[in-house]
Amino acid sequence: MTLRFKGLLQHVVSAIDGVMIITYDLSERYALLNFRDWSENINLIEMKYVKIEGGKKLSSFIEPMKAQPSTLKAFDSPEWVFEIKWDGYRAIAEIQKSGNKLYSRNGLTFDKAYPAVFNALKVIQKEAILDGEIVVYDETGKPSFQKLQNYRSTDKYPIQFVVFDILRLQGKDLTSLTLLERKAILQKLLPKSDIIKFNDHVDGEGKQLWKELVRMDLEGMIAKKKASLYSHGKRSADWLKIKNIKTQEAIIVGYTSPKGLRNYFGSLILGVMDKKKLVCIGNVGTGFTEKNLKDIHSKLKTIERTTSPLDVPIKQTKDMFWVEPDLVCNITFSEITTDKIVRHPVFQGIRIDKGPKDVTLD
């Protein structure tokens, strides 16, 4: 699939060589975003499936810097750069003489789950600590979180470690350098590889990149201040997460018990009508205020039932409570998986103009 658009990009951005390429043609003044045919342009990796939860929890690990969710629309600014938001697992790679490490943001090892990525780290000859995302691509060349989660030994989907930051090099702490200084060092460090890839960026022109990401239905982008320093484990407004958001109506079929400091309930269990059957599409646990938590909970208590209203059963846990499928709400989400579960749902409000029978998956 090739997309052309008129734009003002003044440099070449190679998000992934041979996979997703943005180029700028000075003669015709258009940028080209091209998903190439995987069968011709990249080796397909067959990996042994290992459940992520089977990984080893490290006693000591580095927590990565986090982007702050943003309600801002895409913007242009000479003080910012814009990167593709990859739909994968955040990962830290420690390359060291005593042995390499590859693990999740919460310290769960990835070496057994993604051996192709772990083994590819050997091409890096200097000691370093890298921050990036492990990504698996579907048949069209688009990042697929579900393919990553459900990797099996029979799968032959491309996998990559897209690296967007470097924290240390040869024992020297780089976190006090600016983002652009760190990325320049990172780009020089990474050798040519089909699996370990440098994550480039668009300089200053977020609107143009956003237009193409939306057109291709990618998850979104990360806006980063050029002068930003790296803050371990902190969520910073210097990095902004701008998602390509979609909306969906959903029937409330139940709720879960609250945890931590949350009052009233933890999440709402959601459903839709699919071929005249009420089916679950997941839970929503964010987007609530204290007031609507209380208001919704009081409504739910009046329509509680002892059995599930779902026509297609789901696994029930002790903290789940069922209600009559009378209430309809609005949510936003990033994508719907192939098994019809919403990802990154955010509660928007109760709808009073829709009946449950009118709610289907968009």
Protein backbone atom coordinates (compact mmCIF):
# COMPACT_ATOMS: atom_id res chain seq x y z
CA MET A 1 0.00 0.00 0.00
CA THR A 2 1.48 3.34 -1.07
CA LEU A 3 0.19 6.70 0.14
CA ARG A 4 1.18 10.07 -1.27
CA PHE A 5 0.53 13.42 0.31
CA LYS A 6 1.70 16.96 -0.29
CA GLY A 7 3.81 18.13 2.59
CA LEU A 8 6.68 20.13 3.96
CA LEU A 9 8.98 17.36 5.20
CA GLN A 10 12.53 18.52 4.58
CA HIS A 11 14.41 15.37 5.36
CA VAL A 12 14.18 11.65 4.95
CA VAL A 13 12.67 9.65 7.79
CA SER A 14 13.24 5.94 7.69
CA ALA A 15 11.07 4.58 10.48
CA ILE A 16 12.04 1.04 9.62
CA ASP A 17 14.22 0.23 6.63
CA GLY A 18 12.25 -1.75 4.09
CA VAL A 19 9.08 -1.67 6.15
CA MET A 20 7.69 1.78 6.66
CA ILE A 21 9.46 4.57 4.85
CA ILE A 22 8.73 8.28 4.66
CA THR A 23 10.70 10.07 1.97
CA TYR A 24 10.65 13.55 0.54
CA ASP A 25 10.84 14.13 -3.19
CA LEU A 26 12.14 17.63 -3.95
CA SER A 27 11.06 17.57 -7.59
CA GLU A 28 7.45 16.51 -7.05
CA ARG A 29 7.12 17.85 -3.47
CA TYR A 30 5.36 14.91 -1.95
CA ALA A 31 6.18 12.49 0.78
CA LEU A 32 5.77 8.79 0.27
CA LEU A 33 4.73 6.37 2.98
CA ASN A 34 5.07 2.82 1.83
CA PHE A 35 4.32 -0.50 3.47
CA ARG A 36 6.38 -2.94 1.43
CA ASP A 37 5.66 -6.56 0.72
CA TRP A 38 7.13 -8.50 3.63
CA SER A 39 7.79 -11.56 1.51
CA GLU A 40 10.21 -9.57 -0.66
CA ASN A 41 11.79 -7.15 1.75
CA ILE A 42 12.36 -8.75 5.12
CA ASN A 43 13.15 -12.17 6.48
CA LEU A 44 10.19 -13.68 8.30
CA ILE A 45 11.16 -14.80 11.80
CA GLU A 46 9.82 -18.02 13.28
CA MET A 47 9.97 -17.94 17.07
CA LYS A 48 9.22 -20.41 19.79
CA TYR A 49 6.21 -19.20 21.78
CA VAL A 50 6.89 -18.57 25.44
CA LYS A 51 4.27 -16.90 27.63
CA ILE A 52 5.44 -13.51 28.86
CA GLU A 53 4.31 -14.31 32.39
CA GLY A 54 6.80 -17.15 32.35
CA GLY A 55 9.64 -14.65 32.33
CA LYS A 56 11.87 -14.07 35.31
CA LYS A 57 11.23 -11.04 37.51
CA LEU A 58 14.48 -9.15 37.97
CA SER A 59 15.36 -7.94 41.46
CA SER A 60 17.02 -4.86 40.00
CA PHE A 61 16.06 -3.15 36.77
CA ILE A 62 15.77 0.24 35.07
CA GLU A 63 12.35 1.84 34.84
CA PRO A 64 11.94 3.76 31.58
CA MET A 65 10.75 7.33 31.19
CA LYS A 66 7.05 7.49 30.31
CA ALA A 67 5.04 9.71 28.00
CA GLN A 68 2.15 11.66 29.44
CA PRO A 69 -1.27 10.99 27.85
CA SER A 70 -2.32 14.13 26.01
CA THR A 71 -5.68 15.59 25.06
CA LEU A 72 -3.92 17.89 22.60
CA LYS A 73 -4.43 17.43 18.90
CA ALA A 74 -1.42 16.99 16.65
CA PHE A 75 0.62 20.18 16.46
CA ASP A 76 3.63 21.75 14.78
CA SER A 77 6.52 23.22 16.76
CA PRO A 78 10.22 23.80 16.06
CA GLU A 79 10.94 22.75 19.67
CA TRP A 80 9.47 19.26 19.25
CA VAL A 81 10.07 16.08 17.27
CA PHE A 82 7.43 13.46 16.50
CA GLU A 83 7.81 9.68 16.48
CA ILE A 84 5.48 6.87 15.48
CA LYS A 85 3.82 5.29 18.51
CA TRP A 86 4.57 1.60 18.15
CA ASP A 87 1.90 -0.85 19.25
CA GLY A 88 4.17 -3.25 21.13
CA TYR A 89 5.95 -4.00 24.41
CA ARG A 90 8.22 -1.36 25.91
CA ALA A 91 11.63 -2.91 26.57
CA ILE A 92 14.99 -2.03 28.09
CA ALA A 93 18.12 -3.69 26.68
CA GLU A 94 21.32 -3.78 28.72
CA ILE A 95 24.33 -4.72 26.60
CA GLN A 96 27.25 -5.61 28.86
CA LYS A 97 30.30 -7.88 28.92
CA SER A 98 28.88 -9.92 31.79
CA GLY A 99 25.82 -10.78 29.72
CA ASN A 100 22.99 -8.98 27.97
CA LYS A 101 19.56 -8.36 29.46
CA LEU A 102 16.23 -7.66 27.77
CA TYR A 103 13.23 -6.93 29.94
CA SER A 104 9.90 -5.15 30.25
CA ARG A 105 9.19 -1.80 31.90
CA ASN A 106 8.40 -3.66 35.14
CA GLY A 107 11.46 -5.91 35.08
CA LEU A 108 10.10 -9.09 33.47
CA THR A 109 12.72 -10.78 31.29
CA PHE A 110 12.05 -11.08 27.55
CA ASP A 111 15.01 -13.26 26.53
CA LYS A 112 12.97 -16.50 26.49
CA ALA A 113 9.84 -14.90 25.03
CA TYR A 114 11.63 -13.13 22.16
CA PRO A 115 14.94 -14.94 21.54
CA ALA A 116 15.31 -13.47 18.04
CA VAL A 117 15.45 -9.98 19.52
CA PHE A 118 17.65 -11.04 22.43
CA ASN A 119 20.15 -12.77 20.13
CA ALA A 120 20.21 -9.82 17.75
CA LEU A 121 21.54 -7.60 20.55
CA LYS A 122 24.89 -9.34 20.07
CA VAL A 123 25.52 -7.19 16.98
CA ILE A 124 26.01 -4.20 19.29
CA GLN A 125 29.70 -4.19 20.18
CA LYS A 126 29.77 -1.53 22.91
CA GLU A 127 28.29 -1.63 26.40
CA ALA A 128 25.07 0.34 26.39
CA ILE A 129 21.57 0.64 27.85
CA LEU A 130 18.83 1.11 25.26
CA ASP A 131 15.14 1.99 25.47
CA GLY A 132 12.70 0.89 22.79
CA GLU A 133 9.70 -1.18 21.79
CA ILE A 134 9.37 -4.80 20.69
CA VAL A 135 6.99 -4.88 17.74
CA VAL A 136 5.43 -7.63 15.64
CA TYR A 137 3.92 -6.82 12.24
CA ASP A 138 0.87 -8.35 10.59
CA GLU A 139 0.40 -9.41 6.98
CA THR A 140 0.07 -5.80 5.79
CA GLY A 141 3.22 -4.63 7.56
CA LYS A 142 1.34 -2.79 10.30
CA PRO A 143 2.29 -3.15 13.99
CA SER A 144 -0.05 -5.61 15.72
CA PHE A 145 -0.23 -5.82 19.50
CA GLN A 146 -2.38 -8.91 19.25
CA LYS A 147 0.18 -10.69 17.07
CA LEU A 148 2.80 -9.85 19.68
CA GLN A 149 0.65 -11.13 22.55
CA ASN A 150 -0.36 -14.31 20.76
CA TYR A 151 2.94 -15.29 19.20
CA ARG A 152 3.09 -19.03 18.48
CA SER A 153 5.70 -21.37 17.08
CA THR A 154 3.75 -21.59 13.80
CA ASP A 155 3.71 -17.82 13.30
CA LYS A 156 5.96 -16.25 10.71
CA TYR A 157 5.43 -12.57 11.36
CA PRO A 158 8.34 -10.09 11.36
CA ILE A 159 9.55 -8.94 14.76
CA GLN A 160 11.79 -5.98 15.58
CA PHE A 161 13.20 -4.04 18.50
CA VAL A 162 12.63 -0.40 17.55
CA VAL A 163 15.08 1.63 19.65
CA PHE A 164 14.33 5.28 20.37
CA ASP A 165 16.69 6.23 23.21
CA ILE A 166 20.03 5.45 24.85
CA LEU A 167 20.70 5.88 28.57
CA ARG A 168 24.34 4.81 28.94
CA LEU A 169 27.29 4.15 26.65
CA GLN A 170 30.57 2.55 27.74
CA GLY A 171 29.74 3.30 31.37
CA LYS A 172 28.91 6.97 30.75
CA ASP A 173 25.50 8.25 31.86
CA LEU A 174 23.77 10.01 28.94
CA THR A 175 20.49 10.94 30.63
CA SER A 176 21.61 14.53 31.24
CA LEU A 177 22.06 15.09 27.50
CA THR A 178 19.20 16.42 25.37
CA LEU A 179 16.98 14.05 23.41
CA LEU A 180 18.54 15.00 20.08
CA GLU A 181 22.06 14.53 21.46
CA ARG A 182 21.13 11.07 22.76
CA LYS A 183 19.47 10.05 19.50
CA ALA A 184 22.51 11.14 17.48
CA ILE A 185 24.71 8.90 19.67
CA LEU A 186 22.20 6.06 19.37
CA GLN A 187 22.03 6.24 15.59
CA LYS A 188 25.81 5.99 15.31
CA LEU A 189 25.92 3.04 17.72
CA LEU A 190 23.37 0.77 16.06
CA PRO A 191 24.80 -1.43 13.27
CA LYS A 192 22.76 -2.59 10.30
CA SER A 193 20.27 -5.24 11.39
CA ASP A 194 16.94 -6.67 10.26
CA ILE A 195 15.75 -6.82 13.87
CA ILE A 196 17.37 -3.99 15.85
CA LYS A 197 16.18 -0.70 14.31
CA PHE A 198 16.77 2.97 15.02
CA ASN A 199 13.50 4.88 15.49
CA ASP A 200 13.80 8.12 13.57
CA HIS A 201 11.50 11.14 13.89
CA VAL A 202 9.83 14.00 12.04
CA ASP A 203 11.27 17.38 13.03
CA GLY A 204 8.69 20.01 13.98
CA GLU A 205 5.83 18.92 11.72
CA GLY A 206 3.52 16.77 13.79
CA LYS A 207 0.35 17.58 11.84
CA GLN A 208 1.71 16.14 8.63
CA LEU A 209 2.84 12.92 10.29
CA TRP A 210 -0.46 12.65 12.17
CA LYS A 211 -2.45 12.96 8.95
CA GLU A 212 -0.73 9.90 7.53
CA LEU A 213 -0.88 7.88 10.76
CA VAL A 214 -4.63 8.42 10.94
CA ARG A 215 -5.06 7.54 7.28
CA MET A 216 -3.25 4.25 7.84
CA ASP A 217 -5.06 3.62 11.13
CA LEU A 218 -1.89 3.44 13.21
CA GLU A 219 -2.06 3.85 16.99
CA GLY A 220 -0.76 7.40 17.19
CA MET A 221 2.45 9.31 17.80
CA ILE A 222 4.77 10.45 20.58
CA ALA A 223 5.68 14.13 20.67
CA LYS A 224 9.00 14.81 22.38
CA LYS A 225 10.74 18.06 23.28
CA LYS A 226 14.11 18.23 21.57
CA ALA A 227 15.73 19.52 24.75
CA SER A 228 14.16 16.90 27.05
CA LEU A 229 16.39 15.00 29.46
CA TYR A 230 15.78 11.37 30.36
CA SER A 231 13.98 10.86 33.70
CA HIS A 232 13.97 7.25 34.92
CA GLY A 233 10.54 5.94 35.84
CA LYS A 234 8.84 9.32 35.57
CA ARG A 235 5.89 10.35 33.43
CA SER A 236 6.88 13.66 31.90
CA ALA A 237 5.06 16.36 29.96
CA ASP A 238 8.22 16.60 27.84
CA TRP A 239 6.96 13.45 26.12
CA LEU A 240 3.31 13.43 25.01
CA LYS A 241 1.31 10.43 23.89
CA ILE A 242 -1.19 11.45 21.17
CA LYS A 243 -3.45 8.57 20.22
CA ASN A 244 -5.56 7.95 17.17
CA ILE A 245 -8.78 7.55 19.17
CA LYS A 246 -12.01 5.88 18.15
CA THR A 247 -15.41 5.81 19.90
CA GLN A 248 -17.85 3.01 20.68
CA GLU A 249 -21.20 2.59 22.43
CA ALA A 250 -21.30 -0.29 24.90
CA ILE A 251 -23.80 -2.03 27.16
CA ILE A 252 -22.83 -2.23 30.83
CA VAL A 253 -23.22 -5.89 31.85
CA GLY A 254 -21.34 -5.83 35.16
CA TYR A 255 -18.59 -4.28 37.25
CA THR A 256 -15.57 -5.23 39.32
CA SER A 257 -14.62 -4.42 42.90
CA PRO A 258 -12.53 -1.27 43.50
CA LYS A 259 -8.80 -1.56 44.26
CA GLY A 260 -6.35 0.77 45.97
CA LEU A 261 -7.73 4.24 46.59
CA ARG A 262 -10.62 3.83 44.13
CA ASN A 263 -14.15 3.91 45.60
CA TYR A 264 -17.39 2.27 44.42
CA PHE A 265 -16.08 0.03 41.58
CA GLY A 266 -12.90 -0.80 39.70
CA SER A 267 -14.12 -1.15 36.12
CA LEU A 268 -17.26 -1.64 34.07
CA ILE A 269 -17.70 -4.89 32.14
CA LEU A 270 -18.86 -4.04 28.64
CA GLY A 271 -20.87 -5.82 25.98
CA VAL A 272 -22.47 -5.32 22.57
CA MET A 273 -25.06 -7.13 20.49
CA ASP A 274 -23.41 -9.38 17.89
CA LYS A 275 -25.77 -11.39 15.65
CA LYS A 276 -28.52 -11.05 18.28
CA LYS A 277 -26.23 -12.31 21.04
CA LEU A 278 -24.87 -10.22 23.91
CA VAL A 279 -21.06 -10.62 23.93
CA CYS A 280 -18.31 -9.09 26.05
CA ILE A 281 -15.88 -6.59 24.52
CA GLY A 282 -13.75 -6.02 27.64
CA ASN A 283 -13.60 -3.69 30.63
CA VAL A 284 -13.20 0.06 31.03
CA GLY A 285 -11.50 1.34 34.19
CA THR A 286 -10.38 4.86 33.33
CA GLY A 287 -12.10 8.17 32.57
CA PHE A 288 -14.23 8.35 35.72
CA THR A 289 -14.61 11.17 38.22
CA GLU A 290 -15.46 10.56 41.87
CA LYS A 291 -18.95 11.89 41.18
CA ASN A 292 -19.79 9.62 38.26
CA LEU A 293 -18.22 6.65 40.05
CA LYS A 294 -20.75 7.24 42.83
CA ASP A 295 -23.67 7.96 40.49
CA ILE A 296 -23.05 4.95 38.25
CA HIS A 297 -22.52 2.65 41.23
CA SER A 298 -25.87 3.68 42.73
CA LYS A 299 -27.57 2.87 39.42
CA LEU A 300 -25.80 -0.49 39.16
CA LYS A 301 -26.83 -1.53 42.66
CA THR A 302 -30.52 -1.24 41.68
CA ILE A 303 -30.14 -3.61 38.70
CA GLU A 304 -27.79 -6.27 40.12
CA ARG A 305 -28.37 -9.92 39.24
CA THR A 306 -26.70 -13.13 40.33
CA THR A 307 -25.98 -14.57 36.88
CA SER A 308 -24.21 -13.27 33.81
CA PRO A 309 -26.44 -11.66 31.16
CA LEU A 310 -23.93 -12.57 28.44
CA ASP A 311 -24.98 -15.07 25.80
CA VAL A 312 -21.34 -16.02 25.26
CA PRO A 313 -19.83 -16.81 28.71
CA ILE A 314 -16.53 -15.38 29.91
CA LYS A 315 -14.30 -16.47 32.78
CA GLN A 316 -15.71 -15.12 36.04
CA THR A 317 -13.64 -14.04 39.03
CA LYS A 318 -14.66 -13.33 42.63
CA ASP A 319 -14.48 -9.57 42.16
CA MET A 320 -17.04 -9.50 39.32
CA PHE A 321 -20.69 -8.53 39.77
CA TRP A 322 -23.41 -8.77 37.13
CA VAL A 323 -26.20 -6.33 36.30
CA GLU A 324 -29.20 -6.27 33.99
CA PRO A 325 -28.01 -5.05 30.57
CA ASP A 326 -30.03 -1.83 30.70
CA LEU A 327 -27.41 0.93 30.73
CA VAL A 328 -25.47 2.11 27.69
CA CYS A 329 -22.26 4.14 27.82
CA ASN A 330 -19.80 5.76 25.43
CA ILE A 331 -16.10 4.90 25.42
CA THR A 332 -13.10 5.86 23.37
CA PHE A 333 -10.49 3.26 22.42
CA SER A 334 -7.40 2.77 20.29
CA GLU A 335 -8.34 -0.43 18.43
CA ILE A 336 -10.51 -3.53 18.41
CA THR A 337 -8.63 -6.84 18.39
CA THR A 338 -9.55 -9.71 16.10
CA ASP A 339 -11.36 -11.39 19.00
CA LYS A 340 -13.43 -8.20 19.37
CA ILE A 341 -11.94 -6.76 22.56
CA VAL A 342 -11.42 -2.98 22.86
CA ARG A 343 -7.91 -1.76 23.68
CA HIS A 344 -7.14 1.34 25.79
CA PRO A 345 -10.82 2.10 26.53
CA VAL A 346 -11.71 5.35 28.32
CA PHE A 347 -15.15 6.02 29.77
CA GLN A 348 -16.93 9.03 28.26
CA GLY A 349 -20.40 8.95 29.81
CA ILE A 350 -23.79 7.25 30.08
CA ARG A 351 -26.10 7.47 27.07
CA ILE A 352 -29.79 8.03 27.69
CA ASP A 353 -30.79 8.08 24.01
CA LYS A 354 -29.80 4.51 23.16
CA GLY A 355 -31.34 1.21 24.11
CA PRO A 356 -29.19 -1.93 24.56
CA LYS A 357 -30.64 -3.61 21.47
CA ASP A 358 -29.32 -0.76 19.32
CA VAL A 359 -25.71 -1.24 20.44
CA THR A 360 -23.48 -3.17 18.06
CA LEU A 361 -19.73 -3.14 17.41
CA ASP A 362 -18.86 -0.28 15.05
